Amino acid sequence: MKYAIRLPANDKLLRDIEELLTRPVGRPSHKPIVWYKGFLYQAASWKTARRVVAKVEFHAGELFPRVGFIVTNLETPSRAVVRFYNKRGTAEQWIKEGKQAVKMTRLSCHRFRSNQVRLALSLLAYNLGNLWRRLSLPRGIENWSLTSLQQRLVKTGGRLVKHARYYWLLLAEGDLNRRRFGAMLDRISLLPVPTG
């Protein structure tokens, strides 16, 4: 079983990376300076020493570096271990968003098949929401969470009025105003039409 787990900092771990904690000499750059180091460490409760990867970041305008430790049994380079750990965190955020926005875990039916269908519908709604967010939302709101999109855009009240030659879509006051709705329609019209 491969693992990568965040480890809280302590004095012994900081002593192992003491040479990385001194600020680089010279004018600080605007881009963060990041250093990685892998070493063996044994906590008091562990039977054997394990590999620990340290990440030290120096940011402009900050007096002290940001330090993080990850204990792992992965054999990849230190930078790849940190990237793997961060992707794992991103996946957990996606799962959390799915639970909150489309209620993926609300499987209250008594039969397994019914719960399976309900979960599949939740995943479909989640994927459609992500597609909508990536392809058709204007720049100002493209980073909204699915919960915000659902509450501010989807649950907007409206009325369609038919006249002799045209239709009027009357929307309730809220975050979906005329300009934003027009921008969404413009982006949808720019999408390529599938052939076949």
N, C-alpha and C. Protein backbone atom coordinates (compact mmCIF):
# COMPACT_ATOMS: atom_id res chain seq x y z
N MET A 1 0.84 -1.17 0.00
CA MET A 1 0.00 0.00 0.00
C MET A 1 0.89 1.24 0.00
N LYS A 2 0.73 2.09 -0.99
CA LYS A 2 1.50 3.33 -1.07
C LYS A 2 0.75 4.43 -0.32
N TYR A 3 1.47 5.30 0.36
CA TYR A 3 0.83 6.36 1.13
C TYR A 3 1.67 7.64 1.09
N ALA A 4 1.00 8.75 1.32
CA ALA A 4 1.63 10.06 1.49
C ALA A 4 0.76 10.82 2.49
N ILE A 5 1.31 11.08 3.68
CA ILE A 5 0.53 11.66 4.78
C ILE A 5 1.25 12.90 5.29
N ARG A 6 0.49 13.98 5.51
CA ARG A 6 1.07 15.22 6.06
C ARG A 6 1.53 14.95 7.49
N LEU A 7 2.68 15.49 7.83
CA LEU A 7 3.29 15.29 9.14
C LEU A 7 3.45 16.65 9.81
N PRO A 8 2.99 16.84 11.05
CA PRO A 8 3.18 18.14 11.70
C PRO A 8 4.65 18.39 12.01
N ALA A 9 5.05 19.65 11.92
CA ALA A 9 6.46 20.00 12.14
C ALA A 9 6.80 19.89 13.63
N ASN A 10 8.03 19.51 13.90
CA ASN A 10 8.56 19.51 15.27
C ASN A 10 10.04 19.89 15.21
N ASP A 11 10.66 20.07 16.37
CA ASP A 11 12.05 20.54 16.42
C ASP A 11 13.01 19.57 15.74
N LYS A 12 12.80 18.27 15.90
CA LYS A 12 13.70 17.29 15.30
C LYS A 12 13.64 17.34 13.77
N LEU A 13 12.42 17.48 13.22
CA LEU A 13 12.29 17.58 11.77
C LEU A 13 12.93 18.87 11.25
N LEU A 14 12.75 19.97 11.96
CA LEU A 14 13.33 21.25 11.53
C LEU A 14 14.85 21.21 11.59
N ARG A 15 15.41 20.45 12.54
CA ARG A 15 16.88 20.32 12.60
C ARG A 15 17.41 19.56 11.39
N ASP A 16 16.63 18.62 10.86
CA ASP A 16 17.07 17.84 9.69
C ASP A 16 17.13 18.68 8.42
N ILE A 17 16.39 19.78 8.37
CA ILE A 17 16.41 20.64 7.19
C ILE A 17 16.93 22.04 7.51
N GLU A 18 17.76 22.15 8.52
CA GLU A 18 18.25 23.45 8.99
C GLU A 18 18.94 24.26 7.89
N GLU A 19 19.66 23.58 7.02
CA GLU A 19 20.39 24.29 5.95
C GLU A 19 19.45 24.92 4.92
N LEU A 20 18.20 24.41 4.82
CA LEU A 20 17.24 24.96 3.87
C LEU A 20 16.47 26.16 4.43
N LEU A 21 16.56 26.39 5.72
CA LEU A 21 15.75 27.43 6.36
C LEU A 21 16.37 28.82 6.30
N THR A 22 17.62 28.93 5.83
CA THR A 22 18.23 30.26 5.73
C THR A 22 17.80 30.90 4.42
N ARG A 23 17.38 32.16 4.51
CA ARG A 23 16.89 32.89 3.34
C ARG A 23 18.01 33.07 2.32
N PRO A 24 17.73 32.89 1.02
CA PRO A 24 18.76 33.08 0.00
C PRO A 24 19.26 34.53 -0.01
N VAL A 25 20.53 34.69 -0.27
CA VAL A 25 21.15 36.01 -0.28
C VAL A 25 20.80 36.72 -1.59
N GLY A 26 20.62 38.01 -1.52
CA GLY A 26 20.34 38.79 -2.72
C GLY A 26 18.92 39.33 -2.72
N ARG A 27 18.61 40.00 -3.80
CA ARG A 27 17.29 40.61 -3.95
C ARG A 27 16.23 39.51 -4.10
N PRO A 28 15.16 39.55 -3.29
CA PRO A 28 14.14 38.50 -3.39
C PRO A 28 13.36 38.61 -4.69
N SER A 29 13.05 37.47 -5.27
CA SER A 29 12.28 37.46 -6.52
C SER A 29 10.79 37.48 -6.19
N HIS A 30 9.99 37.87 -7.17
CA HIS A 30 8.54 37.86 -6.98
C HIS A 30 7.99 36.45 -7.01
N LYS A 31 8.66 35.57 -7.72
CA LYS A 31 8.26 34.17 -7.79
C LYS A 31 8.79 33.45 -6.55
N PRO A 32 7.98 32.61 -5.90
CA PRO A 32 8.46 31.90 -4.71
C PRO A 32 9.65 30.99 -5.02
N ILE A 33 10.59 30.93 -4.09
CA ILE A 33 11.72 30.01 -4.19
C ILE A 33 11.35 28.76 -3.41
N VAL A 34 11.39 27.60 -4.08
CA VAL A 34 10.93 26.35 -3.46
C VAL A 34 12.09 25.35 -3.47
N TRP A 35 12.34 24.74 -2.30
CA TRP A 35 13.35 23.70 -2.17
C TRP A 35 12.70 22.45 -1.59
N TYR A 36 13.21 21.29 -2.03
CA TYR A 36 12.71 20.00 -1.55
C TYR A 36 13.88 19.22 -0.96
N LYS A 37 13.57 18.39 0.03
CA LYS A 37 14.60 17.51 0.58
C LYS A 37 13.93 16.25 1.12
N GLY A 38 14.48 15.10 0.78
CA GLY A 38 14.01 13.82 1.30
C GLY A 38 15.03 13.27 2.29
N PHE A 39 14.56 12.73 3.40
CA PHE A 39 15.46 12.17 4.42
C PHE A 39 14.70 11.14 5.24
N LEU A 40 15.43 10.35 6.02
CA LEU A 40 14.82 9.35 6.88
C LEU A 40 14.58 9.94 8.26
N TYR A 41 13.44 9.60 8.85
CA TYR A 41 13.05 10.13 10.15
C TYR A 41 12.31 9.04 10.91
N GLN A 42 12.56 8.94 12.20
CA GLN A 42 11.87 7.96 13.03
C GLN A 42 11.26 8.67 14.23
N ALA A 43 9.93 8.67 14.30
CA ALA A 43 9.23 9.24 15.44
C ALA A 43 9.32 8.26 16.61
N ALA A 44 9.00 8.73 17.79
CA ALA A 44 9.10 7.88 18.98
C ALA A 44 8.15 6.68 18.91
N SER A 45 7.00 6.85 18.29
CA SER A 45 6.03 5.76 18.23
C SER A 45 6.24 4.82 17.04
N TRP A 46 7.18 5.12 16.15
CA TRP A 46 7.42 4.28 14.98
C TRP A 46 8.46 3.22 15.28
N LYS A 47 8.30 2.03 14.68
CA LYS A 47 9.27 0.95 14.89
C LYS A 47 10.50 1.13 14.02
N THR A 48 10.32 1.70 12.82
CA THR A 48 11.45 1.89 11.90
C THR A 48 11.44 3.33 11.38
N ALA A 49 12.57 3.71 10.80
CA ALA A 49 12.66 5.03 10.18
C ALA A 49 11.92 5.01 8.85
N ARG A 50 11.27 6.12 8.54
CA ARG A 50 10.51 6.24 7.29
C ARG A 50 10.98 7.46 6.52
N ARG A 51 10.67 7.45 5.22
CA ARG A 51 11.07 8.56 4.36
C ARG A 51 10.14 9.76 4.58
N VAL A 52 10.74 10.91 4.77
CA VAL A 52 10.00 12.16 4.93
C VAL A 52 10.49 13.11 3.85
N VAL A 53 9.55 13.80 3.21
CA VAL A 53 9.87 14.80 2.20
C VAL A 53 9.50 16.17 2.77
N ALA A 54 10.46 17.09 2.73
CA ALA A 54 10.22 18.45 3.21
C ALA A 54 10.14 19.40 2.02
N LYS A 55 9.22 20.34 2.11
CA LYS A 55 9.08 21.38 1.09
C LYS A 55 9.22 22.72 1.81
N VAL A 56 10.18 23.53 1.37
CA VAL A 56 10.44 24.84 1.97
C VAL A 56 10.20 25.90 0.90
N GLU A 57 9.31 26.86 1.19
CA GLU A 57 8.96 27.92 0.23
C GLU A 57 9.30 29.28 0.83
N PHE A 58 10.03 30.09 0.06
CA PHE A 58 10.30 31.47 0.43
C PHE A 58 9.47 32.38 -0.47
N HIS A 59 8.54 33.15 0.13
CA HIS A 59 7.68 34.05 -0.62
C HIS A 59 8.12 35.49 -0.40
N ALA A 60 7.98 36.31 -1.43
CA ALA A 60 8.35 37.72 -1.33
C ALA A 60 7.47 38.40 -0.28
N GLY A 61 8.09 39.20 0.55
CA GLY A 61 7.36 39.94 1.57
C GLY A 61 7.10 39.17 2.85
N GLU A 62 7.49 37.91 2.92
CA GLU A 62 7.31 37.11 4.14
C GLU A 62 8.65 36.90 4.81
N LEU A 63 8.67 37.06 6.12
CA LEU A 63 9.92 36.98 6.88
C LEU A 63 10.40 35.54 7.04
N PHE A 64 9.47 34.63 7.30
CA PHE A 64 9.84 33.24 7.54
C PHE A 64 9.34 32.36 6.39
N PRO A 65 10.05 31.24 6.13
CA PRO A 65 9.60 30.35 5.05
C PRO A 65 8.39 29.51 5.47
N ARG A 66 7.65 29.04 4.46
CA ARG A 66 6.57 28.08 4.70
C ARG A 66 7.17 26.69 4.59
N VAL A 67 6.96 25.86 5.61
CA VAL A 67 7.58 24.53 5.66
C VAL A 67 6.49 23.48 5.81
N GLY A 68 6.58 22.42 5.02
CA GLY A 68 5.64 21.31 5.12
C GLY A 68 6.38 19.99 5.04
N PHE A 69 5.86 18.99 5.75
CA PHE A 69 6.48 17.66 5.78
C PHE A 69 5.46 16.60 5.38
N ILE A 70 5.90 15.64 4.57
CA ILE A 70 5.05 14.54 4.13
C ILE A 70 5.82 13.24 4.37
N VAL A 71 5.21 12.32 5.11
CA VAL A 71 5.82 11.00 5.30
C VAL A 71 5.23 10.07 4.24
N THR A 72 6.09 9.30 3.59
CA THR A 72 5.65 8.50 2.45
C THR A 72 6.51 7.25 2.28
N ASN A 73 5.97 6.31 1.52
CA ASN A 73 6.79 5.17 1.08
C ASN A 73 6.91 5.14 -0.44
N LEU A 74 6.52 6.24 -1.10
CA LEU A 74 6.70 6.36 -2.55
C LEU A 74 8.19 6.49 -2.87
N GLU A 75 8.63 5.93 -3.98
CA GLU A 75 10.04 5.96 -4.35
C GLU A 75 10.33 7.00 -5.43
N THR A 76 9.40 7.90 -5.68
CA THR A 76 9.59 8.94 -6.68
C THR A 76 10.40 10.09 -6.10
N PRO A 77 10.90 11.00 -6.94
CA PRO A 77 11.63 12.16 -6.42
C PRO A 77 10.76 13.01 -5.48
N SER A 78 11.41 13.79 -4.64
CA SER A 78 10.71 14.56 -3.62
C SER A 78 9.65 15.49 -4.20
N ARG A 79 9.98 16.14 -5.30
CA ARG A 79 9.03 17.06 -5.93
C ARG A 79 7.78 16.33 -6.41
N ALA A 80 7.95 15.11 -6.95
CA ALA A 80 6.82 14.31 -7.42
C ALA A 80 5.94 13.85 -6.25
N VAL A 81 6.54 13.58 -5.10
CA VAL A 81 5.77 13.20 -3.92
C VAL A 81 4.85 14.34 -3.49
N VAL A 82 5.37 15.57 -3.48
CA VAL A 82 4.57 16.74 -3.10
C VAL A 82 3.45 16.96 -4.12
N ARG A 83 3.75 16.81 -5.40
CA ARG A 83 2.73 16.97 -6.44
C ARG A 83 1.64 15.91 -6.28
N PHE A 84 2.02 14.66 -5.98
CA PHE A 84 1.04 13.59 -5.75
C PHE A 84 0.16 13.93 -4.56
N TYR A 85 0.74 14.40 -3.48
CA TYR A 85 -0.03 14.74 -2.28
C TYR A 85 -1.02 15.88 -2.57
N ASN A 86 -0.58 16.88 -3.31
CA ASN A 86 -1.45 18.01 -3.62
C ASN A 86 -2.61 17.59 -4.52
N LYS A 87 -2.37 16.68 -5.48
CA LYS A 87 -3.46 16.20 -6.34
C LYS A 87 -4.48 15.41 -5.53
N ARG A 88 -4.00 14.69 -4.53
CA ARG A 88 -4.90 13.95 -3.66
C ARG A 88 -5.83 14.92 -2.93
N GLY A 89 -5.28 16.03 -2.48
CA GLY A 89 -6.09 17.04 -1.80
C GLY A 89 -7.12 17.66 -2.73
N THR A 90 -6.74 17.88 -3.98
CA THR A 90 -7.67 18.43 -4.96
C THR A 90 -8.82 17.45 -5.21
N ALA A 91 -8.52 16.17 -5.30
CA ALA A 91 -9.57 15.17 -5.50
C ALA A 91 -10.53 15.16 -4.32
N GLU A 92 -10.01 15.31 -3.10
CA GLU A 92 -10.88 15.36 -1.93
C GLU A 92 -11.79 16.58 -1.96
N GLN A 93 -11.29 17.70 -2.46
CA GLN A 93 -12.13 18.90 -2.59
C GLN A 93 -13.25 18.67 -3.60
N TRP A 94 -12.95 17.97 -4.72
CA TRP A 94 -13.98 17.66 -5.71
C TRP A 94 -15.06 16.78 -5.10
N ILE A 95 -14.64 15.78 -4.29
CA ILE A 95 -15.61 14.90 -3.64
C ILE A 95 -16.49 15.69 -2.68
N LYS A 96 -15.86 16.59 -1.92
CA LYS A 96 -16.62 17.43 -0.98
C LYS A 96 -17.62 18.31 -1.72
N GLU A 97 -17.19 18.87 -2.85
CA GLU A 97 -18.08 19.71 -3.65
C GLU A 97 -19.25 18.90 -4.19
N GLY A 98 -19.00 17.68 -4.62
CA GLY A 98 -20.07 16.82 -5.10
C GLY A 98 -21.06 16.46 -4.01
N LYS A 99 -20.56 16.25 -2.80
CA LYS A 99 -21.45 15.94 -1.68
C LYS A 99 -22.35 17.13 -1.36
N GLN A 100 -21.80 18.34 -1.41
CA GLN A 100 -22.57 19.51 -1.03
C GLN A 100 -23.49 19.98 -2.16
N ALA A 101 -22.99 20.01 -3.39
CA ALA A 101 -23.76 20.61 -4.49
C ALA A 101 -24.86 19.68 -5.01
N VAL A 102 -24.51 18.44 -5.31
CA VAL A 102 -25.51 17.55 -5.92
C VAL A 102 -25.91 16.40 -4.99
N LYS A 103 -25.53 16.50 -3.73
CA LYS A 103 -25.95 15.51 -2.71
C LYS A 103 -25.63 14.08 -3.14
N MET A 104 -24.36 13.85 -3.53
CA MET A 104 -23.96 12.53 -4.02
C MET A 104 -24.13 11.43 -2.99
N THR A 105 -24.02 11.76 -1.71
CA THR A 105 -24.06 10.71 -0.69
C THR A 105 -25.45 10.50 -0.10
N ARG A 106 -26.45 11.20 -0.62
CA ARG A 106 -27.82 11.02 -0.11
C ARG A 106 -28.44 9.81 -0.80
N LEU A 107 -28.12 8.64 -0.31
CA LEU A 107 -28.60 7.38 -0.88
C LEU A 107 -29.50 6.71 0.14
N SER A 108 -30.73 7.18 0.24
CA SER A 108 -31.63 6.74 1.30
C SER A 108 -32.60 5.65 0.87
N CYS A 109 -32.47 5.16 -0.34
CA CYS A 109 -33.38 4.11 -0.80
C CYS A 109 -33.02 2.78 -0.13
N HIS A 110 -34.00 1.87 -0.04
CA HIS A 110 -33.77 0.59 0.63
C HIS A 110 -33.11 -0.44 -0.27
N ARG A 111 -33.24 -0.25 -1.57
CA ARG A 111 -32.70 -1.24 -2.50
C ARG A 111 -31.39 -0.73 -3.10
N PHE A 112 -30.45 -1.66 -3.28
CA PHE A 112 -29.13 -1.31 -3.82
C PHE A 112 -29.24 -0.71 -5.21
N ARG A 113 -30.08 -1.30 -6.06
CA ARG A 113 -30.22 -0.84 -7.45
C ARG A 113 -30.73 0.61 -7.50
N SER A 114 -31.65 0.95 -6.63
CA SER A 114 -32.18 2.32 -6.58
C SER A 114 -31.10 3.31 -6.16
N ASN A 115 -30.30 2.94 -5.19
CA ASN A 115 -29.19 3.80 -4.76
C ASN A 115 -28.15 3.95 -5.86
N GLN A 116 -27.92 2.87 -6.60
CA GLN A 116 -26.97 2.91 -7.71
C GLN A 116 -27.43 3.90 -8.78
N VAL A 117 -28.72 3.87 -9.11
CA VAL A 117 -29.27 4.80 -10.10
C VAL A 117 -29.19 6.23 -9.58
N ARG A 118 -29.51 6.41 -8.31
CA ARG A 118 -29.46 7.76 -7.72
C ARG A 118 -28.04 8.32 -7.74
N LEU A 119 -27.04 7.49 -7.42
CA LEU A 119 -25.65 7.93 -7.47
C LEU A 119 -25.23 8.26 -8.89
N ALA A 120 -25.66 7.45 -9.85
CA ALA A 120 -25.32 7.73 -11.26
C ALA A 120 -25.92 9.06 -11.71
N LEU A 121 -27.14 9.36 -11.31
CA LEU A 121 -27.77 10.64 -11.65
C LEU A 121 -27.02 11.81 -11.00
N SER A 122 -26.58 11.62 -9.75
CA SER A 122 -25.80 12.67 -9.08
C SER A 122 -24.49 12.93 -9.79
N LEU A 123 -23.81 11.86 -10.21
CA LEU A 123 -22.55 12.03 -10.94
C LEU A 123 -22.77 12.71 -12.29
N LEU A 124 -23.87 12.37 -12.95
CA LEU A 124 -24.20 13.02 -14.21
C LEU A 124 -24.44 14.52 -14.00
N ALA A 125 -25.18 14.87 -12.95
CA ALA A 125 -25.43 16.28 -12.65
C ALA A 125 -24.12 17.01 -12.31
N TYR A 126 -23.25 16.33 -11.58
CA TYR A 126 -21.95 16.94 -11.22
C TYR A 126 -21.11 17.20 -12.47
N ASN A 127 -21.05 16.20 -13.36
CA ASN A 127 -20.26 16.36 -14.59
C ASN A 127 -20.84 17.42 -15.51
N LEU A 128 -22.17 17.48 -15.61
CA LEU A 128 -22.80 18.51 -16.43
C LEU A 128 -22.52 19.90 -15.85
N GLY A 129 -22.56 20.02 -14.53
CA GLY A 129 -22.24 21.30 -13.89
C GLY A 129 -20.81 21.73 -14.17
N ASN A 130 -19.88 20.80 -14.11
CA ASN A 130 -18.48 21.11 -14.41
C ASN A 130 -18.29 21.49 -15.87
N LEU A 131 -18.98 20.78 -16.76
CA LEU A 131 -18.91 21.12 -18.19
C LEU A 131 -19.45 22.52 -18.43
N TRP A 132 -20.56 22.82 -17.80
CA TRP A 132 -21.17 24.14 -17.91
C TRP A 132 -20.21 25.21 -17.40
N ARG A 133 -19.58 24.93 -16.27
CA ARG A 133 -18.66 25.90 -15.68
C ARG A 133 -17.44 26.12 -16.58
N ARG A 134 -16.93 25.06 -17.20
CA ARG A 134 -15.73 25.19 -18.03
C ARG A 134 -16.00 25.81 -19.39
N LEU A 135 -17.17 25.54 -19.97
CA LEU A 135 -17.39 25.92 -21.36
C LEU A 135 -18.21 27.18 -21.57
N SER A 136 -19.18 27.46 -20.71
CA SER A 136 -20.11 28.52 -21.07
C SER A 136 -20.21 29.68 -20.10
N LEU A 137 -19.54 29.63 -18.96
CA LEU A 137 -19.69 30.73 -18.01
C LEU A 137 -18.77 31.89 -18.36
N PRO A 138 -19.23 33.13 -18.16
CA PRO A 138 -18.38 34.30 -18.40
C PRO A 138 -17.21 34.33 -17.43
N ARG A 139 -16.18 35.10 -17.77
CA ARG A 139 -14.94 35.15 -16.98
C ARG A 139 -15.17 35.51 -15.51
N GLY A 140 -16.12 36.38 -15.24
CA GLY A 140 -16.33 36.85 -13.87
C GLY A 140 -16.82 35.78 -12.91
N ILE A 141 -17.52 34.77 -13.43
CA ILE A 141 -18.10 33.76 -12.54
C ILE A 141 -17.64 32.34 -12.87
N GLU A 142 -16.60 32.19 -13.68
CA GLU A 142 -16.18 30.84 -14.08
C GLU A 142 -15.55 30.06 -12.93
N ASN A 143 -15.16 30.72 -11.84
CA ASN A 143 -14.55 30.03 -10.70
C ASN A 143 -15.52 29.80 -9.55
N TRP A 144 -16.80 30.07 -9.76
CA TRP A 144 -17.78 29.80 -8.71
C TRP A 144 -17.89 28.31 -8.44
N SER A 145 -18.20 27.96 -7.21
CA SER A 145 -18.42 26.55 -6.88
C SER A 145 -19.75 26.11 -7.47
N LEU A 146 -19.94 24.80 -7.54
CA LEU A 146 -21.20 24.28 -8.08
C LEU A 146 -22.38 24.67 -7.20
N THR A 147 -22.15 24.77 -5.89
CA THR A 147 -23.22 25.19 -4.99
C THR A 147 -23.65 26.61 -5.30
N SER A 148 -22.68 27.51 -5.52
CA SER A 148 -23.01 28.90 -5.86
C SER A 148 -23.75 28.97 -7.19
N LEU A 149 -23.30 28.20 -8.17
CA LEU A 149 -23.99 28.19 -9.47
C LEU A 149 -25.43 27.71 -9.32
N GLN A 150 -25.61 26.68 -8.52
CA GLN A 150 -26.93 26.11 -8.34
C GLN A 150 -27.86 27.11 -7.65
N GLN A 151 -27.38 27.76 -6.59
CA GLN A 151 -28.24 28.65 -5.81
C GLN A 151 -28.43 30.01 -6.47
N ARG A 152 -27.42 30.49 -7.21
CA ARG A 152 -27.51 31.84 -7.76
C ARG A 152 -28.00 31.88 -9.21
N LEU A 153 -27.72 30.83 -9.98
CA LEU A 153 -28.09 30.85 -11.40
C LEU A 153 -29.23 29.89 -11.74
N VAL A 154 -29.14 28.66 -11.28
CA VAL A 154 -30.12 27.65 -11.68
C VAL A 154 -31.47 27.89 -10.99
N LYS A 155 -31.43 28.26 -9.72
CA LYS A 155 -32.67 28.44 -8.97
C LYS A 155 -33.20 29.87 -9.11
N THR A 156 -33.00 30.46 -10.25
CA THR A 156 -33.51 31.81 -10.51
C THR A 156 -34.91 31.70 -11.11
N GLY A 157 -35.84 32.50 -10.58
CA GLY A 157 -37.21 32.47 -11.09
C GLY A 157 -37.31 33.27 -12.37
N GLY A 158 -38.20 32.87 -13.25
CA GLY A 158 -38.37 33.59 -14.50
C GLY A 158 -39.72 33.29 -15.13
N ARG A 159 -40.06 34.07 -16.15
CA ARG A 159 -41.32 33.88 -16.85
C ARG A 159 -41.09 34.12 -18.33
N LEU A 160 -41.60 33.25 -19.16
CA LEU A 160 -41.49 33.39 -20.61
C LEU A 160 -42.80 33.97 -21.14
N VAL A 161 -42.70 35.13 -21.79
CA VAL A 161 -43.89 35.81 -22.32
C VAL A 161 -43.84 35.73 -23.84
N LYS A 162 -44.94 35.26 -24.45
CA LYS A 162 -45.00 35.10 -25.90
C LYS A 162 -45.79 36.26 -26.50
N HIS A 163 -45.17 36.93 -27.47
CA HIS A 163 -45.85 37.97 -28.23
C HIS A 163 -46.06 37.46 -29.65
N ALA A 164 -46.64 38.27 -30.51
CA ALA A 164 -46.94 37.84 -31.88
C ALA A 164 -45.68 37.42 -32.64
N ARG A 165 -44.60 38.20 -32.53
CA ARG A 165 -43.38 37.92 -33.32
C ARG A 165 -42.17 37.45 -32.51
N TYR A 166 -42.20 37.59 -31.22
CA TYR A 166 -41.01 37.28 -30.42
C TYR A 166 -41.40 36.81 -29.02
N TYR A 167 -40.38 36.32 -28.29
CA TYR A 167 -40.56 35.86 -26.91
C TYR A 167 -39.77 36.79 -26.00
N TRP A 168 -40.27 37.04 -24.81
CA TRP A 168 -39.53 37.77 -23.78
C TRP A 168 -39.26 36.80 -22.63
N LEU A 169 -38.03 36.74 -22.17
CA LEU A 169 -37.70 35.96 -20.99
C LEU A 169 -37.50 36.94 -19.85
N LEU A 170 -38.40 36.97 -18.91
CA LEU A 170 -38.33 37.88 -17.77
C LEU A 170 -37.75 37.12 -16.58
N LEU A 171 -36.60 37.57 -16.08
CA LEU A 171 -35.92 36.91 -14.98
C LEU A 171 -36.10 37.70 -13.70
N ALA A 172 -36.15 36.99 -12.57
CA ALA A 172 -36.23 37.64 -11.27
C ALA A 172 -34.89 38.30 -10.96
N GLU A 173 -34.93 39.29 -10.06
CA GLU A 173 -33.70 39.95 -9.65
C GLU A 173 -32.78 38.93 -8.99
N GLY A 174 -31.52 39.03 -9.24
CA GLY A 174 -30.55 38.11 -8.65
C GLY A 174 -29.23 38.24 -9.36
N ASP A 175 -28.41 37.19 -9.28
CA ASP A 175 -27.08 37.22 -9.89
C ASP A 175 -27.12 37.00 -11.39
N LEU A 176 -28.20 36.45 -11.92
CA LEU A 176 -28.29 36.22 -13.36
C LEU A 176 -28.96 37.43 -14.00
N ASN A 177 -28.14 38.44 -14.33
CA ASN A 177 -28.68 39.64 -14.97
C ASN A 177 -28.60 39.50 -16.49
N ARG A 178 -29.08 40.51 -17.18
CA ARG A 178 -29.16 40.45 -18.65
C ARG A 178 -27.78 40.33 -19.29
N ARG A 179 -26.82 41.08 -18.77
CA ARG A 179 -25.46 41.06 -19.34
C ARG A 179 -24.82 39.69 -19.16
N ARG A 180 -24.95 39.12 -17.95
CA ARG A 180 -24.34 37.81 -17.68
C ARG A 180 -25.02 36.72 -18.50
N PHE A 181 -26.34 36.76 -18.60
CA PHE A 181 -27.06 35.77 -19.39
C PHE A 181 -26.67 35.87 -20.87
N GLY A 182 -26.52 37.12 -21.37
CA GLY A 182 -26.08 37.31 -22.76
C GLY A 182 -24.68 36.79 -23.00
N ALA A 183 -23.78 37.00 -22.01
CA ALA A 183 -22.41 36.48 -22.14
C ALA A 183 -22.40 34.96 -22.19
N MET A 184 -23.27 34.32 -21.40
CA MET A 184 -23.35 32.86 -21.43
C MET A 184 -23.84 32.38 -22.80
N LEU A 185 -24.85 33.03 -23.32
CA LEU A 185 -25.36 32.64 -24.64
C LEU A 185 -24.31 32.85 -25.73
N ASP A 186 -23.54 33.95 -25.64
CA ASP A 186 -22.47 34.19 -26.62
C ASP A 186 -21.42 33.09 -26.58
N ARG A 187 -21.03 32.66 -25.36
CA ARG A 187 -20.02 31.61 -25.25
C ARG A 187 -20.56 30.28 -25.75
N ILE A 188 -21.84 30.02 -25.51
CA ILE A 188 -22.44 28.77 -26.02
C ILE A 188 -22.47 28.78 -27.55
N SER A 189 -22.77 29.94 -28.14
CA SER A 189 -22.83 30.01 -29.60
C SER A 189 -21.44 29.84 -30.25
N LEU A 190 -20.36 30.11 -29.50
CA LEU A 190 -19.00 29.93 -30.03
C LEU A 190 -18.51 28.49 -29.96
N LEU A 191 -19.21 27.64 -29.23
CA LEU A 191 -18.79 26.24 -29.11
C LEU A 191 -18.92 25.55 -30.46
N PRO A 192 -18.00 24.63 -30.79
CA PRO A 192 -18.09 23.93 -32.08
C PRO A 192 -19.28 22.98 -32.09
N VAL A 193 -19.93 22.89 -33.23
CA VAL A 193 -21.07 22.00 -33.41
C VAL A 193 -20.55 20.63 -33.78
N PRO A 194 -20.95 19.57 -33.04
CA PRO A 194 -20.47 18.23 -33.39
C PRO A 194 -21.00 17.79 -34.75
N THR A 195 -20.15 17.11 -35.50
CA THR A 195 -20.56 16.61 -36.81
C THR A 195 -20.95 15.14 -36.72
N GLY A 196 -21.84 14.71 -37.61
CA GLY A 196 -22.20 13.30 -37.68
C GLY A 196 -23.33 13.01 -36.85
